[in-house]
Protein backbone atom coordinates (compact mmCIF):
# COMPACT_ATOMS: atom_id res chain seq x y z
CA MET A 1 42.46 -8.72 67.86
CA SER A 2 39.16 -6.96 67.14
CA LYS A 3 37.73 -5.04 70.08
CA ASP A 4 34.24 -5.90 68.80
CA LEU A 5 34.58 -9.57 69.71
CA GLN A 6 32.54 -10.25 72.84
CA ARG A 7 34.68 -13.18 73.92
CA PRO A 8 37.77 -13.98 71.86
CA PRO A 9 39.20 -17.48 72.28
CA ALA A 10 42.13 -17.90 74.64
CA GLU A 11 44.68 -18.12 71.84
CA LEU A 12 43.66 -14.61 70.73
CA ARG A 13 43.20 -13.09 74.18
CA TYR A 14 46.64 -14.23 75.30
CA ALA A 15 48.45 -14.35 71.96
CA ASP A 16 51.41 -12.32 73.24
CA GLU A 17 51.93 -14.58 76.24
CA LEU A 18 51.73 -17.72 74.10
CA ALA A 19 54.21 -16.32 71.59
CA ALA A 20 56.65 -15.38 74.36
CA LEU A 21 56.37 -18.79 75.99
CA ARG A 22 56.99 -20.57 72.69
CA ALA A 23 60.02 -18.41 71.97
CA GLU A 24 61.75 -19.20 75.27
CA ASP A 25 60.51 -22.78 75.72
CA THR A 26 63.54 -25.08 75.65
CA ASP A 27 62.06 -27.99 77.60
CA PRO A 28 61.19 -31.25 75.83
CA ARG A 29 57.70 -31.29 74.32
CA PRO A 30 55.40 -34.27 73.82
CA PRO A 31 54.97 -35.10 70.12
CA GLY A 32 52.59 -32.69 68.43
CA TRP A 33 52.50 -30.17 71.31
CA ALA A 34 53.10 -26.46 70.80
CA LEU A 35 54.52 -26.08 74.33
CA SER A 36 56.26 -28.26 76.87
CA LEU A 37 54.33 -29.35 79.96
CA ALA A 38 56.21 -26.82 82.07
CA ALA A 39 55.44 -23.92 79.71
CA ALA A 40 51.79 -24.97 79.34
CA ARG A 41 51.50 -25.03 83.13
CA ARG A 42 52.99 -21.53 83.36
CA PHE A 43 50.50 -20.28 80.77
CA ILE A 44 47.56 -21.57 82.82
CA VAL A 45 48.59 -20.86 86.43
CA GLY A 46 50.88 -17.90 85.74
CA ASP A 47 54.35 -17.06 87.03
CA ASP A 48 56.33 -14.14 88.42
CA ARG A 49 57.81 -13.24 85.02
CA GLY A 50 54.80 -11.57 83.44
CA VAL A 51 52.53 -14.52 82.61
CA SER A 52 49.10 -13.87 84.10
CA ARG A 53 47.23 -16.37 86.24
CA LYS A 54 44.18 -17.53 84.35
CA PHE A 55 42.95 -20.52 86.36
CA VAL A 56 42.74 -20.11 90.12
CA GLY A 57 42.19 -23.75 91.01
CA ASP A 58 44.66 -26.32 92.30
CA PRO A 59 47.91 -26.24 90.26
CA SER A 60 48.37 -29.98 90.85
CA LEU A 61 45.11 -30.52 88.96
CA VAL A 62 46.66 -28.74 85.99
CA ASP A 63 49.76 -30.94 86.24
CA ARG A 64 47.68 -34.13 86.25
CA ALA A 65 45.54 -32.90 83.37
CA LEU A 66 48.55 -32.13 81.19
CA VAL A 67 50.20 -35.46 81.95
CA THR A 68 46.96 -37.28 81.08
CA LEU A 69 46.76 -35.54 77.71
CA ALA A 70 50.32 -36.54 76.91
CA THR A 71 49.18 -40.18 77.14
CA SER A 72 46.67 -42.06 75.00
CA ARG A 73 43.82 -41.49 77.47
CA GLY A 74 41.33 -38.68 77.24
CA LEU A 75 40.75 -36.18 80.06
CA MET A 76 37.36 -35.83 81.73
CA LEU A 77 36.80 -32.73 83.90
CA VAL A 78 33.84 -33.07 86.25
CA GLY A 79 32.46 -30.75 88.91
CA GLU A 80 29.68 -28.42 89.92
CA PRO A 81 28.46 -25.95 87.29
CA GLY A 82 30.47 -22.74 87.27
CA THR A 83 33.75 -24.20 88.53
CA ALA A 84 35.67 -23.17 85.37
CA LYS A 85 35.86 -26.62 83.74
CA SER A 86 35.27 -25.13 80.30
CA LEU A 87 37.78 -22.36 80.94
CA LEU A 88 40.40 -24.88 81.98
CA SER A 89 39.80 -27.02 78.90
CA GLU A 90 40.03 -23.92 76.69
CA LEU A 91 43.30 -22.80 78.27
CA ILE A 92 44.82 -26.27 77.98
CA ALA A 93 43.82 -26.55 74.31
CA ALA A 94 45.24 -23.10 73.55
CA ALA A 95 48.53 -23.99 75.25
CA VAL A 96 48.92 -27.50 73.82
CA SER A 97 47.52 -27.04 70.31
CA GLY A 98 47.46 -23.29 69.79
CA GLU A 99 43.75 -23.60 69.03
CA SER A 100 40.80 -24.00 71.39
CA THR A 101 37.91 -23.78 68.91
CA LEU A 102 37.72 -27.45 67.94
CA THR A 103 34.75 -27.80 70.24
CA ILE A 104 31.71 -30.06 70.34
CA GLN A 105 28.82 -28.74 72.42
CA GLY A 106 26.95 -31.67 73.86
CA GLY A 107 23.17 -31.68 74.09
CA ALA A 108 20.07 -33.73 73.43
CA ALA A 109 20.20 -32.78 69.73
CA THR A 110 23.90 -33.53 69.19
CA THR A 111 24.47 -36.01 66.35
CA GLU A 112 27.41 -38.05 65.12
CA ASP A 113 27.67 -35.69 62.13
CA GLN A 114 28.48 -32.83 64.49
CA ILE A 115 31.24 -34.94 66.07
CA LYS A 116 32.84 -36.67 63.07
CA TYR A 117 31.92 -35.26 59.65
CA SER A 118 29.06 -34.37 57.32
CA TRP A 119 28.68 -33.61 53.62
CA ASN A 120 28.23 -30.65 51.33
CA TYR A 121 25.09 -32.02 49.71
CA ALA A 122 25.31 -29.86 46.60
CA LEU A 123 28.78 -31.29 45.86
CA LEU A 124 27.68 -34.73 47.00
CA VAL A 125 24.89 -34.79 44.39
CA ALA A 126 27.13 -33.34 41.69
CA GLU A 127 30.28 -35.39 42.31
CA GLY A 128 29.35 -38.17 44.68
CA PRO A 129 31.28 -38.80 47.92
CA THR A 130 34.71 -37.22 47.44
CA PRO A 131 37.17 -35.54 49.80
CA ARG A 132 36.03 -32.21 48.31
CA SER A 133 32.42 -32.78 49.38
CA LEU A 134 33.41 -33.86 52.88
CA VAL A 135 32.75 -31.34 55.69
CA PRO A 136 35.04 -32.18 58.61
CA ALA A 137 33.66 -31.82 62.13
CA PRO A 138 35.90 -31.12 65.17
CA MET A 139 36.86 -34.74 65.78
CA LEU A 140 38.01 -35.38 62.22
CA ARG A 141 39.95 -32.11 62.16
CA GLY A 142 41.55 -32.80 65.51
CA MET A 143 42.72 -36.24 64.43
CA ALA A 144 43.96 -35.10 61.02
CA GLU A 145 45.75 -32.01 62.36
CA GLY A 146 47.03 -33.50 65.63
CA LYS A 147 45.14 -31.13 67.95
CA LEU A 148 43.09 -31.34 71.12
CA VAL A 149 39.33 -31.55 70.75
CA ARG A 150 37.02 -30.21 73.48
CA PHE A 151 33.74 -32.06 74.14
CA GLU A 152 31.59 -29.87 76.39
CA GLU A 153 28.77 -31.41 78.46
CA ILE A 154 29.29 -34.90 77.08
CA THR A 155 26.75 -36.44 79.45
CA ARG A 156 23.99 -34.35 77.93
CA CYS A 157 24.38 -36.32 74.68
CA PRO A 158 22.37 -39.50 74.04
CA LEU A 159 24.25 -42.68 74.92
CA GLU A 160 24.50 -43.86 71.32
CA VAL A 161 26.13 -40.56 70.37
CA GLN A 162 28.55 -40.75 73.30
CA ASP A 163 29.58 -44.26 72.32
CA CYS A 164 30.62 -43.20 68.82
CA MET A 165 33.72 -41.93 70.64
CA LEU A 166 34.79 -45.43 71.70
CA SER A 167 36.69 -46.44 68.57
CA LEU A 168 38.08 -42.94 68.08
CA LEU A 169 39.68 -42.97 71.52
CA SER A 170 40.87 -46.58 71.47
CA GLU A 171 41.87 -47.22 67.83
CA ARG A 172 42.82 -43.57 67.10
CA VAL A 173 41.30 -43.85 63.65
CA LEU A 174 38.14 -42.46 62.05
CA ALA A 175 36.63 -44.48 59.24
CA ILE A 176 34.78 -42.75 56.39
CA PRO A 177 33.04 -45.68 54.67
CA GLU A 178 31.67 -43.50 51.86
CA LEU A 179 35.22 -42.90 50.59
CA THR A 180 37.52 -45.51 49.13
CA GLY A 181 41.26 -45.98 49.27
CA PRO A 182 43.47 -43.99 51.64
CA ASP A 183 40.83 -41.26 51.94
CA GLY A 184 38.53 -43.69 53.72
CA MET A 185 40.61 -43.77 56.92
CA VAL A 186 41.79 -40.79 58.97
CA PHE A 187 44.53 -41.74 61.41
CA ALA A 188 45.18 -39.57 64.44
CA GLN A 189 48.31 -37.47 64.22
CA ALA A 190 50.62 -36.84 67.16
CA GLY A 191 49.08 -34.27 69.50
CA PHE A 192 45.47 -35.44 69.15
CA ASN A 193 43.45 -36.10 72.29
CA VAL A 194 40.09 -35.23 73.84
CA ILE A 195 39.15 -33.05 76.81
CA ALA A 196 35.56 -33.66 77.90
CA THR A 197 33.57 -31.90 80.62
CA ALA A 198 30.51 -32.93 82.61
CA ASN A 199 28.56 -31.27 85.40
CA THR A 200 28.02 -33.43 88.46
CA ARG A 201 24.40 -32.29 88.49
CA ASP A 202 23.94 -33.63 84.95
CA ARG A 203 25.72 -36.96 85.29
CA GLY A 204 22.40 -38.73 85.71
CA VAL A 205 21.02 -37.31 82.47
CA ASN A 206 22.88 -39.75 80.23
CA GLU A 207 25.39 -41.61 82.38
CA MET A 208 28.48 -42.63 80.42
CA SER A 209 28.98 -46.28 79.65
CA ALA A 210 31.68 -48.15 81.53
CA ALA A 211 33.52 -48.72 78.24
CA LEU A 212 33.69 -44.99 77.53
CA LYS A 213 34.70 -44.15 81.10
CA ARG A 214 37.69 -46.49 80.76
CA ARG A 215 39.04 -44.32 77.97
CA PHE A 216 39.20 -41.21 80.18
CA ASN A 217 41.07 -40.15 83.27
CA PHE A 218 38.64 -38.29 85.55
CA GLU A 219 39.60 -35.10 87.39
CA THR A 220 37.26 -33.16 89.67
CA VAL A 221 37.32 -29.35 89.55
CA PHE A 222 36.26 -28.02 92.95
CA PRO A 223 34.81 -24.59 93.81
CA ILE A 224 37.26 -21.92 94.96
CA GLY A 225 37.93 -22.44 98.66
CA SER A 226 39.52 -19.11 99.56
CA TYR A 227 37.30 -16.07 100.03
CA ASP A 228 40.08 -13.65 99.09
CA THR A 229 40.87 -15.62 95.93
CA GLU A 230 37.22 -15.71 94.88
CA LEU A 231 36.76 -12.01 95.61
CA GLY A 232 39.83 -11.12 93.58
CA LEU A 233 38.65 -13.23 90.66
CA VAL A 234 35.16 -11.72 90.69
CA GLU A 235 36.62 -8.21 90.88
CA ARG A 236 39.04 -8.81 88.02
CA GLU A 237 36.53 -10.49 85.71
CA ALA A 238 33.74 -8.03 86.48
CA ALA A 239 36.06 -5.10 85.73
CA ARG A 240 37.04 -6.68 82.40
CA LEU A 241 33.42 -7.30 81.39
CA LEU A 242 32.33 -3.83 82.44
CA GLU A 243 35.11 -2.24 80.41
CA GLN A 244 34.00 -4.26 77.37
CA SER A 245 30.42 -3.06 77.99
CA GLY A 246 31.41 0.59 77.91
CA VAL A 247 31.18 1.22 81.66
CA ALA A 248 33.63 3.94 82.64
CA VAL A 249 33.88 3.15 86.38
CA ALA A 250 35.31 0.11 88.15
CA PRO A 251 33.07 -2.04 90.36
CA ARG A 252 32.99 -1.00 94.01
CA ARG A 253 35.02 -3.25 96.27
CA ASP A 254 32.56 -3.02 99.19
CA VAL A 255 29.68 -4.03 96.93
CA LEU A 256 31.63 -7.01 95.59
CA GLU A 257 32.50 -8.06 99.15
CA VAL A 258 28.77 -8.21 99.94
CA LEU A 259 28.08 -10.11 96.73
CA VAL A 260 30.78 -12.76 97.20
CA THR A 261 29.93 -13.22 100.89
CA ALA A 262 26.25 -13.65 100.07
CA PHE A 263 27.03 -16.23 97.39
CA ARG A 264 29.24 -18.21 99.77
CA ASP A 265 26.57 -18.04 102.48
CA LEU A 266 23.91 -19.26 100.07
CA ARG A 267 26.19 -22.09 98.88
CA ASP A 268 26.92 -23.29 102.41
CA GLN A 269 23.56 -22.91 104.15
CA PRO A 270 21.72 -26.12 105.15
CA GLU A 271 18.83 -25.39 102.78
CA ARG A 272 20.83 -24.99 99.60
CA LEU A 273 19.32 -23.40 96.54
CA SER A 274 18.68 -25.66 93.59
CA THR A 275 20.58 -23.12 91.49
CA VAL A 276 24.36 -23.40 91.82
CA MET A 277 25.67 -20.16 93.33
CA SER A 278 28.98 -20.46 91.56
CA THR A 279 31.81 -18.00 91.07
CA ALA A 280 30.78 -17.71 87.43
CA GLU A 281 27.28 -16.66 88.52
CA ALA A 282 28.80 -14.13 90.94
CA VAL A 283 30.78 -12.59 88.07
CA SER A 284 27.60 -12.40 86.01
CA VAL A 285 25.73 -10.64 88.82
CA ALA A 286 28.64 -8.23 89.42
CA HIS A 287 28.60 -7.39 85.72
CA ALA A 288 24.85 -6.75 85.80
CA VAL A 289 25.16 -4.61 88.95
CA GLY A 290 27.77 -2.42 87.28
CA LEU A 291 25.64 -2.07 84.14
CA ARG A 292 22.57 -1.09 86.16
CA GLY A 293 24.47 1.48 88.16
CA TRP A 294 26.22 3.08 85.19
CA TYR A 295 23.51 3.13 82.55
CA LEU A 296 20.61 3.93 84.88
CA ARG A 297 22.26 6.32 87.34
CA GLY A 298 25.78 7.07 86.13
CA GLU A 299 27.57 5.35 89.05
CA ALA A 300 29.14 1.99 89.91
CA GLY A 301 26.13 0.19 91.40
CA THR A 302 25.14 -0.61 94.97
CA ALA A 303 24.07 -3.57 97.07
CA ALA A 304 20.46 -2.72 96.26
CA ASP A 305 21.22 -3.57 92.63
CA ILE A 306 22.45 -6.99 93.82
CA VAL A 307 18.91 -7.83 94.98
CA GLU A 308 17.45 -6.88 91.60
CA CYS A 309 20.04 -8.97 89.77
CA LEU A 310 19.88 -11.94 92.15
CA ALA A 311 16.21 -12.56 91.39
CA GLY A 312 16.96 -13.95 87.94
CA THR A 313 20.16 -15.70 88.99
CA ALA A 314 19.17 -17.39 92.24
CA ALA A 315 15.45 -17.83 91.84
CA LYS A 316 14.99 -18.69 88.14
CA ASP A 317 11.80 -20.78 87.98
CA ASN A 318 11.91 -22.27 91.48
CA ALA A 319 9.58 -20.63 94.01
CA ASP A 320 11.35 -22.39 96.90
CA ASP A 321 14.65 -20.77 95.91
CA LEU A 322 13.00 -17.37 95.94
CA ALA A 323 11.68 -18.04 99.45
CA ARG A 324 15.13 -19.13 100.66
CA LEU A 325 16.69 -16.02 99.16
CA ARG A 326 14.10 -13.84 100.84
CA ARG A 327 14.78 -15.50 104.22
CA TYR A 328 18.49 -14.86 103.76
CA LEU A 329 17.93 -11.17 103.08
CA GLU A 330 15.52 -10.83 106.00
CA GLN A 331 17.33 -12.90 108.63
CA GLN A 332 21.06 -13.13 107.84
CA ALA A 333 21.84 -9.89 106.01
CA PRO A 334 20.94 -7.71 109.06
CA ARG A 335 23.54 -9.56 111.15
CA ARG A 336 26.33 -8.25 108.93
CA HIS A 337 27.85 -4.84 109.50
CA GLY A 338 28.41 -2.10 106.98
CA GLU A 339 26.56 0.36 104.79
CA GLN A 340 26.22 -2.01 101.84
CA TRP A 341 24.80 -4.81 104.02
CA GLN A 342 22.21 -2.38 105.31
CA ALA A 343 21.38 -1.44 101.73
CA LEU A 344 21.06 -5.13 100.81
CA HIS A 345 18.64 -5.74 103.68
CA ALA A 346 16.65 -2.59 102.91
CA ALA A 347 16.22 -3.65 99.27
CA ARG A 348 14.72 -7.05 100.08
CA HIS A 349 11.27 -5.80 98.97
CA LEU A 350 12.64 -5.62 95.41
CA LEU A 351 12.48 -9.41 95.12
CA PRO A 352 9.49 -10.40 92.97
CA GLY A 353 6.51 -12.22 94.44
């Protein structure tokens, strides 16, 4: 695996673990799956035999997700932004299909061509519609190869684009009317299914039709409940990102304790910020704090750097969020004890505005 890749897919990052699990997996596998349900679960939640824990949520959620994908129904993961829905879908696809890159990124500009197929127009003009001029999109490839397809942020797509999934999920066939004969129909091979994700804050953007909802089992991914678990995750991920960024020192534990506590306070306060103070955002801030400390001063970063980095994370373009953040730093931070909490309070003037 190239060290220059900023974020390799799960099947590359954990290639050794996947190979070891396949080699020792003797349990029955659903048709088309690269691993049994038990081995796929071990890959995602880890075990005591050397397989790392990659998803820190509820293991029973993983069990239900895997069982769903072994049926003819798709899996819909919903939850607040930053709750690792995309990570979970990536890990499941890597475990089940050995490939997690058959991904559709939903958005206002997503078209059916990006979901099903398009054409190489130079070949189309020269030869007409032929299998050679066909450019398969993730859904066609997933059906033809018997692999899982990930549909990220499906509710950000227009309704008419969402509903092109109806026949694919129910009939398990993709028609290509431009082609004739057997090439005009692509039937889903064993192992094909769909994992979709949607943020609860975006569900009103383009609410799914009742017909499409019936073709999915819905599972909610909740934020991490345990402080110690969240702190450990932020520390581990921040250290990994800092190492990739050329930072030679590990993040300071006392600084990360302040960061994670502040994020949990801001999530739980009565006047919640419009920005989701998720674990993923905390990792991003911890990464930025380490970069500031190392490249500006040659050290690991302090709580004062948290204030600088929080401005763009918590405030964004909402002046009310900035005011709430300022009140937190002025009123709640002084009640905490410790050198880094004092530094956080003292740096409150660094907030813009």
